[in-house]
Amino acid sequence: MTLGAALGLASVVTPSAAWSWSPSGSIAGAGTGVDPQWVWDDEIDQIMASALDNGQVPAINDAILPWVNNGQAVPSGLPPELAAFLQREKQLPAWADMAKLRRAANFNRKKDMYLFFLYGLGGGIMSTVIPREAKSVYWSAGGADMQDRAAKTFSFGYDLSDINAFETSGQFLVTSNKTRLVHAAVRHLLPQSPHWKAVADETIPISNADILVTFHSTGTFAHKKMKEWGIPMLSADQDAFLHSWQVALHMLGVRDEYIPSSWNAAHAQSAQVLTPILGLTPEGKALAEVLLGLISQVDLGVTRGFLNEFVRYQLGNEIGDWLELKRDYVSAGLIRVGWPAYIAFREGLLPLVPANFYLFDQLIKAIAMAFLNRGESGLTTPITIPTGNRAG
């Protein structure tokens, strides 16, 4: 399977293509047309740079540790400018539709097994062949402890998918704001790393374009694969699922002029900003091996060969070959036949439990156990702001 086919594209745009996605396809309906790779998050970037330079981050981490639920007040003990920023930014945008967000929460609950799988294994491994993301992750402080870093990343998707994600009892509005603080800190820290500077093709990481790429490697990818796999989805559910991601992107500081207004617009944007940039780096290869090792070490009967073949099944043989994932042709055959049957049974389209149903269930559980709070429980994974980079 070619890379374009694996990601559902008829053709692959050349890597040299300039930004040309029209803001008319965004939720704003108009925009400046500025390439999002030159757009960051100026206000919070300045606040966090000052906090890092003044040694305030440990106290900020202590203050935000018990801040978990959306309904909780912004914690005391924060620098005034940070407290004011969070007080404003933890609110939903005016265009957010709570009816759609609640429908999305119900859709996520019904499809959570697929989403665990697509976010954890598909999007997780795809992130290792996104060169900028792989280099930034590897050389940041989180790259030195990938289980902890993966748990925090997984928590973002988990909290977004939770039935109460946007309710006062949910956690996503807080999780997204904490993630935004981490991003701002990394933007200040990574340019100080000689190791990152030696391999990076950008001067400041985590631009609006980089966040959009991550969205397409998770949300857009999940939407595409669920459609390809024939998973029943009502049109209203698909719209609601997209809306939850639209809100998520806004909460991470992406300008509304870059946020797609429809799945058609999202897939068109993905074809420009994601697929052309995929490639292998030493950092990405190392991260992929760590992530796959974390899943395979969970003792639920899932072999590494089976895991390798499921990566190939989701992402294609080109990426599998880049990562030098050893072939297991018996598992490949089992997946080609068994996964469609597994989906059909789960969706009530097959009356009898298919062979190897248990194996697919165990794989999804292994992904969740490996990444969710370091495999310890389903409780909240603390998100802390880094104060340095990975050592050489």
Protein backbone atom coordinates (compact mmCIF):
# COMPACT_ATOMS: atom_id res chain seq x y z
CA MET A 1 0.00 0.00 0.00
CA THR A 2 1.37 3.43 -0.90
CA LEU A 3 1.52 6.31 1.56
CA GLY A 4 -1.17 8.23 -0.32
CA ALA A 5 -3.46 5.21 -0.37
CA ALA A 6 -2.91 4.49 3.32
CA LEU A 7 -3.93 8.03 4.23
CA GLY A 8 -6.85 8.05 1.81
CA LEU A 9 -5.44 10.41 -0.78
CA ALA A 10 -5.67 10.00 -4.52
CA SER A 11 -2.46 11.94 -4.95
CA VAL A 12 0.26 13.38 -2.79
CA VAL A 13 1.07 17.08 -2.94
CA THR A 14 4.75 17.91 -3.41
CA PRO A 15 6.61 18.97 -0.27
CA SER A 16 7.53 22.32 -1.82
CA ALA A 17 3.90 23.43 -2.20
CA ALA A 18 3.31 26.83 -0.60
CA TRP A 19 0.39 27.42 1.76
CA SER A 20 -2.68 27.85 -0.41
CA TRP A 21 -5.57 26.57 1.72
CA SER A 22 -8.32 29.15 1.51
CA PRO A 23 -9.63 30.70 4.75
CA SER A 24 -13.07 30.64 3.12
CA GLY A 25 -13.10 26.99 4.19
CA SER A 26 -12.51 27.92 7.83
CA ILE A 27 -14.97 28.50 10.66
CA ALA A 28 -14.06 32.21 10.42
CA GLY A 29 -14.96 32.25 6.72
CA ALA A 30 -12.16 34.70 5.97
CA GLY A 31 -8.60 35.46 6.98
CA THR A 32 -5.29 37.04 6.16
CA GLY A 33 -3.94 34.10 4.19
CA VAL A 34 -0.72 34.17 6.22
CA ASP A 35 1.01 30.77 6.29
CA PRO A 36 0.27 29.28 9.75
CA GLN A 37 3.84 28.04 10.10
CA TRP A 38 4.69 31.68 10.89
CA VAL A 39 1.95 32.02 13.51
CA TRP A 40 2.46 31.07 17.15
CA ASP A 41 0.65 32.08 20.37
CA ASP A 42 2.16 35.45 21.17
CA GLU A 43 0.49 36.44 24.43
CA ILE A 44 1.00 33.19 26.34
CA ASP A 45 4.42 32.71 24.74
CA GLN A 46 5.57 36.00 26.31
CA ILE A 47 4.00 35.15 29.66
CA MET A 48 5.65 31.72 29.87
CA ALA A 49 9.02 33.01 28.64
CA SER A 50 8.98 35.52 31.50
CA ALA A 51 7.92 32.84 34.00
CA LEU A 52 10.76 30.56 32.90
CA ASP A 53 13.37 33.31 32.95
CA ASN A 54 12.24 34.42 36.42
CA GLY A 55 12.17 30.90 37.92
CA GLN A 56 8.40 30.96 38.52
CA VAL A 57 7.49 27.69 36.80
CA PRO A 58 7.90 25.33 39.81
CA ALA A 59 5.44 27.48 41.79
CA ILE A 60 3.07 27.57 38.80
CA ASN A 61 3.19 23.78 38.56
CA ASP A 62 2.33 23.49 42.26
CA ALA A 63 -0.57 25.89 41.80
CA ILE A 64 -2.11 24.17 38.78
CA LEU A 65 -1.67 20.59 40.07
CA PRO A 66 -5.09 20.44 41.82
CA TRP A 67 -6.76 22.38 38.99
CA VAL A 68 -8.45 19.56 37.09
CA ASN A 69 -12.15 20.08 36.43
CA ASN A 70 -13.70 22.65 34.10
CA GLY A 71 -15.88 24.00 36.89
CA GLN A 72 -12.97 24.82 39.17
CA ALA A 73 -11.82 28.41 39.46
CA VAL A 74 -8.43 29.39 38.09
CA PRO A 75 -6.04 28.61 40.96
CA SER A 76 -4.55 31.30 43.15
CA GLY A 77 -0.80 31.78 43.43
CA LEU A 78 -0.25 32.42 39.71
CA PRO A 79 1.47 35.46 38.22
CA PRO A 80 -1.30 38.04 37.61
CA GLU A 81 -0.87 38.08 33.84
CA LEU A 82 -1.09 34.28 33.67
CA ALA A 83 -4.17 34.17 35.93
CA ALA A 84 -5.88 36.78 33.73
CA PHE A 85 -5.00 34.84 30.58
CA LEU A 86 -6.38 31.56 31.94
CA GLN A 87 -9.51 33.22 33.29
CA ARG A 88 -10.29 34.45 29.78
CA GLU A 89 -9.08 31.49 27.74
CA LYS A 90 -10.73 28.71 29.73
CA GLN A 91 -14.07 29.91 28.38
CA LEU A 92 -15.59 28.27 25.31
CA PRO A 93 -15.53 30.38 22.13
CA ALA A 94 -18.75 32.23 21.33
CA TRP A 95 -19.38 30.00 18.31
CA ALA A 96 -19.20 26.74 20.32
CA ASP A 97 -22.44 24.76 20.16
CA MET A 98 -23.08 22.84 23.38
CA ALA A 99 -25.71 20.65 21.71
CA LYS A 100 -23.10 19.53 19.16
CA LEU A 101 -20.47 19.07 21.85
CA ARG A 102 -22.82 16.85 23.86
CA ARG A 103 -23.63 14.88 20.73
CA ALA A 104 -19.89 14.53 20.07
CA ALA A 105 -19.40 13.25 23.62
CA ASN A 106 -22.03 10.58 23.03
CA PHE A 107 -20.47 9.68 19.67
CA ASN A 108 -17.05 9.38 21.34
CA ARG A 109 -18.53 7.13 24.01
CA LYS A 110 -20.00 4.81 21.37
CA LYS A 111 -16.82 4.76 19.27
CA ASP A 112 -14.26 4.96 22.06
CA MET A 113 -12.67 1.58 21.27
CA TYR A 114 -11.90 2.67 17.72
CA LEU A 115 -10.69 6.09 18.85
CA PHE A 116 -8.33 4.59 21.44
CA PHE A 117 -6.91 2.48 18.66
CA LEU A 118 -6.71 5.20 16.02
CA TYR A 119 -5.31 7.88 18.31
CA GLY A 120 -2.94 5.61 20.22
CA LEU A 121 -1.50 3.36 17.54
CA GLY A 122 -2.30 5.17 14.28
CA GLY A 123 -1.82 8.80 15.25
CA GLY A 124 0.82 7.95 17.85
CA ILE A 125 3.09 6.19 15.38
CA MET A 126 2.32 8.65 12.60
CA SER A 127 3.63 11.41 14.87
CA THR A 128 7.06 9.75 14.76
CA VAL A 129 7.25 10.25 10.97
CA ILE A 130 6.28 13.91 11.16
CA PRO A 131 9.84 15.28 11.19
CA ARG A 132 9.27 18.53 13.05
CA GLU A 133 7.10 16.87 15.67
CA ALA A 134 9.51 13.98 16.15
CA LYS A 135 12.51 16.28 16.57
CA SER A 136 10.67 18.60 18.94
CA VAL A 137 9.38 15.74 21.07
CA TYR A 138 12.70 13.90 21.17
CA TRP A 139 14.80 16.90 22.21
CA SER A 140 12.29 18.36 24.67
CA ALA A 141 12.26 17.25 28.31
CA GLY A 142 9.34 14.90 27.55
CA GLY A 143 11.36 12.95 25.03
CA ALA A 144 13.52 11.50 27.78
CA ASP A 145 10.49 9.79 29.39
CA MET A 146 8.22 8.75 26.58
CA GLN A 147 5.78 6.81 28.74
CA ASP A 148 5.09 9.92 30.77
CA ARG A 149 4.97 12.09 27.65
CA ALA A 150 2.67 9.63 25.86
CA ALA A 151 0.39 9.48 28.91
CA LYS A 152 0.03 13.26 28.85
CA THR A 153 -0.65 13.31 25.11
CA PHE A 154 -3.11 10.43 25.49
CA SER A 155 -4.86 12.35 28.28
CA PHE A 156 -5.62 15.17 25.85
CA GLY A 157 -7.47 12.78 23.53
CA TYR A 158 -9.02 10.91 26.45
CA ASP A 159 -10.36 14.11 28.05
CA LEU A 160 -11.64 15.35 24.66
CA SER A 161 -13.47 12.03 24.16
CA ASP A 162 -14.93 11.90 27.67
CA ILE A 163 -18.72 12.02 27.99
CA ASN A 164 -18.44 15.15 30.18
CA ALA A 165 -15.56 16.75 28.23
CA PHE A 166 -17.05 20.26 28.01
CA GLU A 167 -19.34 20.12 31.05
CA THR A 168 -18.39 21.70 34.38
CA SER A 169 -17.63 18.21 35.72
CA GLY A 170 -15.37 17.40 32.76
CA GLN A 171 -11.71 18.20 32.34
CA PHE A 172 -10.98 19.13 28.75
CA LEU A 173 -11.06 22.92 29.09
CA VAL A 174 -8.45 22.69 31.85
CA THR A 175 -6.40 20.03 30.04
CA SER A 176 -6.27 22.09 26.85
CA ASN A 177 -5.14 25.20 28.72
CA LYS A 178 -2.43 23.30 30.58
CA THR A 179 -1.29 21.87 27.25
CA ARG A 180 -1.20 25.40 25.84
CA LEU A 181 1.10 26.46 28.71
CA VAL A 182 3.41 23.52 27.98
CA HIS A 183 3.53 24.43 24.30
CA ALA A 184 4.45 28.02 25.15
CA ALA A 185 7.21 26.85 27.49
CA VAL A 186 8.63 24.50 24.86
CA ARG A 187 8.68 27.34 22.33
CA HIS A 188 10.98 29.25 24.70
CA LEU A 189 13.10 26.30 25.77
CA LEU A 190 13.80 24.31 22.60
CA PRO A 191 15.51 27.16 20.72
CA GLN A 192 18.05 27.08 23.58
CA SER A 193 18.90 23.42 22.88
CA PRO A 194 21.99 22.98 20.70
CA HIS A 195 20.85 19.44 19.87
CA TRP A 196 17.45 20.57 18.57
CA LYS A 197 18.96 23.54 16.70
CA ALA A 198 21.38 21.18 14.95
CA VAL A 199 18.55 19.17 13.35
CA ALA A 200 15.58 21.57 13.21
CA ASP A 201 14.46 23.36 10.06
CA GLU A 202 12.50 25.93 12.08
CA THR A 203 13.59 28.51 14.64
CA ILE A 204 10.54 28.25 16.92
CA PRO A 205 8.57 24.98 17.31
CA ILE A 206 4.83 24.30 17.64
CA SER A 207 3.41 26.86 15.24
CA ASN A 208 -0.27 26.94 14.32
CA ALA A 209 0.69 24.80 11.32
CA ASP A 210 2.32 22.20 13.57
CA ILE A 211 -0.82 21.96 15.72
CA LEU A 212 -2.96 21.57 12.60
CA VAL A 213 -0.68 18.74 11.45
CA THR A 214 -1.23 16.99 14.79
CA PHE A 215 -5.00 17.39 14.38
CA HIS A 216 -4.86 15.81 10.95
CA SER A 217 -2.74 12.90 12.21
CA THR A 218 -5.39 12.20 14.88
CA GLY A 219 -8.88 13.60 14.29
CA THR A 220 -8.87 13.78 10.49
CA PHE A 221 -7.06 10.45 10.27
CA ALA A 222 -9.59 8.83 12.62
CA HIS A 223 -12.52 10.17 10.60
CA LYS A 224 -11.02 8.89 7.34
CA LYS A 225 -10.26 5.43 8.71
CA MET A 226 -13.66 4.96 10.35
CA LYS A 227 -15.29 5.74 7.00
CA GLU A 228 -12.91 3.42 5.14
CA TRP A 229 -13.62 0.62 7.61
CA GLY A 230 -17.36 0.97 7.12
CA ILE A 231 -18.10 2.01 10.70
CA PRO A 232 -21.65 3.42 10.68
CA MET A 233 -21.68 7.17 11.42
CA LEU A 234 -24.66 9.48 11.09
CA SER A 235 -23.94 12.75 9.31
CA ALA A 236 -24.93 14.70 12.42
CA ASP A 237 -22.51 12.61 14.49
CA GLN A 238 -19.67 13.32 12.06
CA ASP A 239 -20.43 17.04 12.21
CA ALA A 240 -20.47 16.92 16.01
CA PHE A 241 -17.18 14.98 16.10
CA LEU A 242 -15.59 17.66 13.93
CA HIS A 243 -17.04 20.41 16.11
CA SER A 244 -15.36 18.98 19.19
CA TRP A 245 -12.03 19.14 17.34
CA GLN A 246 -12.76 22.67 16.12
CA VAL A 247 -13.21 23.76 19.72
CA ALA A 248 -10.10 21.82 20.74
CA LEU A 249 -7.98 23.60 18.12
CA HIS A 250 -9.29 26.98 19.24
CA MET A 251 -8.52 26.11 22.87
CA LEU A 252 -4.93 25.33 21.85
CA GLY A 253 -4.47 28.78 20.36
CA VAL A 254 -5.03 28.03 16.66
CA ARG A 255 -6.56 31.00 14.89
CA ASP A 256 -10.11 30.46 13.69
CA GLU A 257 -9.09 31.30 10.11
CA TYR A 258 -7.11 28.03 9.99
CA ILE A 259 -9.73 25.75 11.57
CA PRO A 260 -11.65 23.79 8.89
CA SER A 261 -15.41 24.33 8.80
CA SER A 262 -16.23 20.90 7.30
CA TRP A 263 -14.69 17.47 6.91
CA ASN A 264 -14.19 18.14 3.22
CA ALA A 265 -12.20 21.25 4.11
CA ALA A 266 -10.28 19.32 6.76
CA HIS A 267 -9.27 16.54 4.38
CA ALA A 268 -8.24 19.11 1.76
CA GLN A 269 -6.09 20.90 4.34
CA SER A 270 -4.60 17.59 5.51
CA ALA A 271 -3.60 16.76 1.95
CA GLN A 272 -1.55 19.94 1.90
CA VAL A 273 -0.02 20.13 5.37
CA LEU A 274 0.34 16.51 6.56
CA THR A 275 0.95 13.95 3.84
CA PRO A 276 3.71 15.81 1.95
CA ILE A 277 5.85 16.32 5.04
CA LEU A 278 5.94 12.73 6.33
CA GLY A 279 9.41 11.24 6.47
CA LEU A 280 11.91 9.35 8.58
CA THR A 281 14.31 10.95 11.06
CA PRO A 282 16.65 9.29 13.59
CA GLU A 283 14.59 10.89 16.36
CA GLY A 284 11.32 9.57 14.94
CA LYS A 285 12.65 6.05 14.53
CA ALA A 286 13.84 6.01 18.13
CA LEU A 287 10.50 7.32 19.40
CA ALA A 288 8.51 4.77 17.40
CA GLU A 289 10.53 1.94 18.87
CA VAL A 290 9.91 3.24 22.39
CA LEU A 291 6.16 3.65 21.82
CA LEU A 292 5.74 0.19 20.28
CA GLY A 293 7.84 -1.27 23.07
CA LEU A 294 5.56 0.28 25.70
CA ILE A 295 2.51 -1.38 24.12
CA SER A 296 4.13 -4.77 23.53
CA GLN A 297 5.42 -4.98 27.11
CA VAL A 298 1.85 -4.96 28.44
CA ASP A 299 1.33 -8.68 28.92
CA LEU A 300 -2.03 -9.25 27.26
CA GLY A 301 -0.95 -11.79 24.67
CA VAL A 302 -0.29 -9.27 21.88
CA THR A 303 2.94 -10.13 20.05
CA ARG A 304 5.29 -7.50 18.65
CA GLY A 305 4.78 -8.99 15.18
CA PHE A 306 1.02 -8.51 15.46
CA LEU A 307 1.59 -4.94 16.61
CA ASN A 308 3.97 -4.21 13.72
CA GLU A 309 1.46 -5.50 11.21
CA PHE A 310 -1.35 -3.40 12.64
CA VAL A 311 0.80 -0.31 12.21
CA ARG A 312 1.33 -1.32 8.58
CA TYR A 313 -2.40 -2.01 8.19
CA GLN A 314 -3.24 1.50 9.40
CA LEU A 315 -0.38 3.55 7.98
CA GLY A 316 0.82 1.52 4.99
CA ASN A 317 3.98 -0.41 4.17
CA GLU A 318 5.98 2.67 3.23
CA ILE A 319 5.91 3.96 6.80
CA GLY A 320 6.37 0.41 8.10
CA ASP A 321 9.50 0.08 5.98
CA TRP A 322 10.83 3.47 7.11
CA LEU A 323 10.54 2.30 10.71
CA GLU A 324 11.97 -1.14 9.82
CA LEU A 325 9.03 -2.94 11.37
CA LYS A 326 9.71 -6.65 10.96
CA ARG A 327 7.11 -8.50 8.94
CA ASP A 328 4.79 -11.11 10.41
CA TYR A 329 2.78 -12.39 7.46
CA VAL A 330 0.60 -14.69 9.56
CA SER A 331 -0.51 -11.71 11.65
CA ALA A 332 -0.96 -9.61 8.50
CA GLY A 333 -3.38 -12.17 7.09
CA LEU A 334 -5.22 -12.46 10.39
CA ILE A 335 -5.68 -8.67 10.54
CA ARG A 336 -6.89 -8.35 6.95
CA VAL A 337 -9.63 -10.88 7.60
CA GLY A 338 -10.22 -10.47 11.32
CA TRP A 339 -10.39 -6.71 11.76
CA PRO A 340 -13.36 -6.17 9.40
CA ALA A 341 -15.14 -9.05 11.15
CA TYR A 342 -14.35 -7.53 14.54
CA ILE A 343 -15.90 -4.22 13.44
CA ALA A 344 -18.95 -5.94 11.96
CA PHE A 345 -19.60 -7.83 15.20
CA ARG A 346 -19.14 -4.76 17.39
CA GLU A 347 -21.55 -2.81 15.18
CA GLY A 348 -24.19 -5.54 15.35
CA LEU A 349 -23.76 -6.55 11.72
CA LEU A 350 -22.47 -10.06 12.46
CA PRO A 351 -24.47 -12.45 14.66
CA LEU A 352 -21.59 -14.67 15.82
CA VAL A 353 -18.41 -13.75 17.65
CA PRO A 354 -15.63 -13.95 15.03
CA ALA A 355 -12.43 -15.87 15.53
CA ASN A 356 -9.65 -13.85 17.20
CA PHE A 357 -12.15 -11.29 18.56
CA TYR A 358 -10.40 -11.51 21.92
CA LEU A 359 -7.00 -10.68 20.40
CA PHE A 360 -8.24 -7.39 18.93
CA ASP A 361 -9.89 -6.48 22.24
CA GLN A 362 -6.63 -7.16 24.05
CA LEU A 363 -4.68 -4.97 21.63
CA ILE A 364 -6.93 -1.99 22.32
CA LYS A 365 -6.68 -2.59 26.07
CA ALA A 366 -2.89 -2.81 25.80
CA ILE A 367 -2.76 0.60 24.08
CA ALA A 368 -4.89 2.15 26.81
CA MET A 369 -2.91 0.51 29.63
CA ALA A 370 0.44 1.51 28.13
CA PHE A 371 -0.40 5.19 27.79
CA LEU A 372 -3.18 6.12 30.20
CA ASN A 373 -1.52 7.53 33.32
CA ARG A 374 1.61 5.42 32.76
CA GLY A 375 -0.51 2.27 32.74
CA GLU A 376 -1.43 2.73 36.39
CA SER A 377 -5.06 3.77 36.26
CA GLY A 378 -7.66 5.78 34.39
CA LEU A 379 -7.22 8.76 36.71
CA THR A 380 -6.00 12.16 35.61
CA THR A 381 -2.43 12.29 34.36
CA PRO A 382 -0.79 15.43 35.80
CA ILE A 383 0.42 17.85 33.14
CA THR A 384 3.46 19.82 34.28
CA ILE A 385 5.32 22.66 32.57
CA PRO A 386 8.93 21.79 31.74
CA THR A 387 11.86 23.92 32.89
CA GLY A 388 14.51 22.47 30.56
CA ASN A 389 15.25 20.31 27.56
CA ARG A 390 16.48 16.78 27.04
CA ALA A 391 20.17 16.38 27.76
CA GLY A 392 22.40 15.33 24.89
